Protein backbone atom coordinates (compact mmCIF):
# COMPACT_ATOMS: atom_id res chain seq x y z
CA MET A 1 25.05 -12.79 -6.24
CA ARG A 2 23.41 -11.37 -3.18
CA SER A 3 25.46 -9.46 -0.64
CA SER A 4 25.76 -10.64 2.92
CA GLY A 5 23.38 -7.84 3.91
CA HIS A 6 20.67 -9.14 1.58
CA VAL A 7 21.08 -12.74 2.87
CA ARG A 8 20.98 -11.54 6.48
CA LEU A 9 17.82 -9.53 5.82
CA HIS A 10 16.27 -12.49 4.10
CA HIS A 11 17.07 -14.90 6.98
CA HIS A 12 15.82 -12.38 9.56
CA ILE A 13 12.44 -11.97 7.77
CA VAL A 14 12.04 -15.75 7.55
CA HIS A 15 12.82 -15.94 11.25
CA LEU A 16 10.18 -13.24 12.07
CA VAL A 17 7.48 -15.13 10.09
CA VAL A 18 8.32 -18.54 11.75
CA GLU A 19 8.25 -16.83 15.13
CA ALA A 20 4.91 -15.28 14.35
CA LEU A 21 3.44 -18.58 13.17
CA ARG A 22 4.60 -20.35 16.23
CA ARG A 23 2.74 -17.90 18.39
CA THR A 24 -0.39 -18.67 16.51
CA PRO A 25 -2.36 -21.64 17.95
CA SER A 26 -3.93 -22.56 14.54
CA TRP A 27 -0.39 -23.62 13.28
CA GLY A 28 1.16 -26.78 14.56
CA ALA A 29 4.66 -27.68 13.39
CA VAL A 30 6.47 -24.77 11.84
CA GLU A 31 10.00 -25.27 10.51
CA ALA A 32 12.43 -23.12 8.55
CA GLU A 33 14.47 -24.30 5.59
CA ALA A 34 12.50 -27.51 4.77
CA VAL A 35 13.64 -29.36 1.67
CA VAL A 36 11.32 -30.52 -1.13
CA GLU A 37 12.90 -33.48 -2.97
CA ARG A 38 10.50 -33.77 -5.80
CA GLY A 39 9.90 -32.37 -9.23
CA ARG A 40 12.89 -30.44 -10.56
CA GLY A 41 15.24 -31.65 -7.97
CA ALA A 42 15.69 -30.48 -4.38
CA LEU A 43 14.08 -27.17 -3.67
CA ARG A 44 14.46 -25.41 -0.36
CA PRO A 45 11.47 -23.12 0.50
CA ASP A 46 11.99 -21.05 3.49
CA LEU A 47 9.39 -22.61 5.69
CA ARG A 48 6.80 -25.33 6.16
CA ALA A 49 3.85 -25.02 8.45
CA THR A 50 1.15 -27.50 9.33
CA HIS A 51 -2.34 -26.24 10.09
CA ALA A 52 -3.18 -27.71 13.44
CA SER A 53 -6.84 -28.55 12.84
CA SER A 54 -6.89 -29.56 9.11
CA GLY A 55 -3.39 -31.06 8.83
CA ALA A 56 -2.88 -29.05 5.55
CA VAL A 57 0.76 -28.15 4.85
CA VAL A 58 1.72 -24.77 3.67
CA TRP A 59 5.14 -24.27 2.08
CA ALA A 60 6.40 -20.64 1.75
CA ASP A 61 9.45 -18.84 0.33
CA ALA A 62 10.29 -15.35 1.30
CA SER A 63 11.77 -12.53 -0.72
CA VAL A 64 12.49 -8.86 -0.80
CA THR A 65 12.44 -7.23 -4.18
CA ALA A 66 12.97 -3.60 -5.39
CA PRO A 67 10.66 -1.74 -7.63
CA PHE A 68 13.44 -0.37 -9.89
CA GLY A 69 14.20 -3.36 -12.00
CA PRO A 70 14.13 -3.01 -15.83
CA ARG A 71 10.80 -4.82 -16.08
CA THR A 72 9.08 -3.09 -13.16
CA THR A 73 10.14 0.59 -13.21
CA ALA A 74 7.69 1.80 -15.86
CA PRO A 75 4.74 -0.18 -14.42
CA THR A 76 5.59 1.09 -10.96
CA ALA A 77 5.74 4.59 -12.13
CA ALA A 78 2.40 4.23 -13.86
CA SER A 79 0.66 2.69 -10.73
CA PRO A 80 2.80 3.96 -7.80
CA LEU A 81 0.39 2.49 -5.17
CA ARG A 82 0.39 -0.96 -6.55
CA ALA A 83 3.17 -3.46 -5.54
CA VAL A 84 4.25 -4.19 -9.07
CA ALA A 85 7.63 -5.78 -8.26
CA ALA A 86 6.18 -7.86 -5.43
CA GLU A 87 3.46 -9.12 -7.72
CA ALA A 88 6.02 -10.18 -10.32
CA ARG A 89 8.16 -11.90 -7.73
CA GLU A 90 5.13 -13.64 -6.22
CA ARG A 91 4.33 -15.04 -9.70
CA ALA A 92 7.86 -16.24 -10.26
CA LYS A 93 7.91 -18.07 -6.77
CA VAL A 94 4.53 -19.73 -7.49
CA ALA A 95 5.81 -20.97 -10.92
CA LYS A 96 8.96 -22.33 -9.23
CA TYR A 97 7.45 -24.16 -6.27
CA ALA A 98 3.79 -24.76 -6.80
CA ASN A 99 4.15 -27.88 -9.00
CA ALA A 100 7.08 -29.31 -7.05
CA LEU A 101 5.27 -29.88 -3.77
CA PRO A 102 4.89 -33.39 -2.30
CA GLY A 103 1.38 -34.76 -1.83
CA PRO A 104 -2.04 -33.75 -3.34
CA PRO A 105 -2.71 -30.07 -3.97
CA ALA A 106 -5.54 -30.16 -1.43
CA SER A 107 -3.18 -30.89 1.40
CA HIS A 108 0.01 -29.17 0.28
CA THR A 109 -0.14 -25.54 -0.87
CA PHE A 110 2.50 -22.92 -1.53
CA THR A 111 2.40 -19.19 -0.74
CA PRO A 112 4.98 -16.57 -1.61
CA LEU A 113 6.03 -14.19 1.11
CA VAL A 114 7.23 -11.07 -0.71
CA TRP A 115 7.96 -7.49 0.45
CA GLU A 116 9.18 -4.68 -1.66
CA ALA A 117 12.29 -2.82 -0.44
CA TYR A 118 10.31 0.18 0.62
CA GLY A 119 7.70 -1.78 2.57
CA ARG A 120 4.91 -2.60 0.19
CA ILE A 121 3.61 -6.22 0.60
CA GLY A 122 2.82 -8.46 -2.24
CA PRO A 123 -1.02 -9.01 -2.55
CA ALA A 124 -0.77 -12.88 -2.10
CA THR A 125 1.45 -12.37 0.90
CA ALA A 126 -0.98 -9.86 2.52
CA LYS A 127 -3.91 -12.20 1.84
CA TRP A 128 -2.21 -15.21 3.27
CA LEU A 129 -0.95 -13.41 6.39
CA ARG A 130 -4.51 -12.11 7.07
CA GLY A 131 -5.83 -15.65 6.64
CA ALA A 132 -3.05 -17.39 8.67
CA MET A 133 -3.37 -14.84 11.64
CA ARG A 134 -7.00 -14.20 11.49
CA GLY A 135 -9.28 -12.82 14.24
CA PRO A 136 -8.99 -10.16 16.93
CA ALA A 137 -6.85 -12.30 19.15
CA LEU A 138 -4.12 -12.66 16.46
CA SER A 139 -4.30 -9.24 14.97
CA GLY A 140 -1.57 -8.18 17.40
CA VAL A 141 0.69 -11.06 16.27
CA ARG A 142 0.24 -10.06 12.60
CA SER A 143 0.70 -6.37 13.43
CA THR A 144 3.84 -7.05 15.33
CA LEU A 145 5.11 -9.20 12.48
CA LEU A 146 4.49 -6.45 9.88
CA THR A 147 6.14 -3.83 12.13
CA ARG A 148 9.22 -5.94 12.63
CA VAL A 149 9.58 -6.62 9.07
CA SER A 150 9.23 -2.92 8.30
CA VAL A 151 11.87 -2.10 10.86
CA ALA A 152 14.22 -4.78 9.36
CA LEU A 153 13.88 -3.26 5.85
CA TRP A 154 14.64 0.28 7.12
CA ARG A 155 17.56 -0.89 9.11
CA SER A 156 18.83 -2.63 5.97
CA HIS A 157 18.60 0.65 4.06
CA SER A 158 20.32 2.50 6.89
CA ARG A 159 23.27 0.04 6.75
CA ALA A 160 23.52 0.30 2.97
CA VAL A 161 23.55 4.14 3.10
CA SER A 162 26.23 4.08 5.77
CA LEU A 163 28.44 1.73 3.86
CA GLY A 164 27.83 3.74 0.67
CA TYR A 165 28.95 6.97 2.39
CA SER A 166 32.00 5.29 3.88
CA ARG A 167 33.00 4.12 0.39
CA CYS A 168 32.43 7.63 -1.15
CA PHE A 169 34.72 9.19 1.48
CA GLY A 170 37.34 6.45 1.21
CA ILE A 171 36.84 5.37 4.72
CA ALA A 172 37.34 1.63 5.44
CA GLY A 173 34.13 0.91 7.29
CA GLU A 174 33.21 -2.41 8.71
CA ASP A 175 30.02 -4.09 7.33
CA PRO A 176 28.11 -5.43 10.36
CA GLU A 177 27.62 -8.68 8.33
CA GLY A 178 31.31 -9.26 8.23
CA GLY A 179 32.40 -7.86 4.90
CA ARG A 180 34.55 -4.84 4.33
CA GLY A 181 32.89 -1.56 3.50
CA GLY A 182 34.76 1.28 1.89
CA SER A 183 38.23 1.14 0.38
CA THR A 184 41.16 -0.61 1.78
């Protein structure tokens, strides 16, 4: 189960991506929390965006992953500059969503939006963001999005460290997301 801090970070990142796409003229309707009722039951990708000129629909699901899981620690240590955990999470998301989308594959596609906890971006995510916000006029929108996500990740770490210290010292701290931090 994810903590309220993780959920809050996830929703914030989704909001940042939706906001950036809405500032991009090449994207028409952009909505968060769209429901796909096909395939293996109702799936809820984080966003759905329609390309303004082609009408192609892109579904996306966001995630933040850590590079220290049991399956990713050794590959991350062997290739520290590669986003190993993000690549694994991207593959899992594609496997979950790609075959469940409505409509023909040519008009409905899926893209994972995955960041690692310390800022690395999944390769499919980076490629899609470059394509979705392409050109000199939109480089500022993409740059702003990446900066805001980076700041959100580091603020999340700061909150986690603060709560951890309060628990170590037996101080009943308040979690900004509404939960109790520390002992009672």
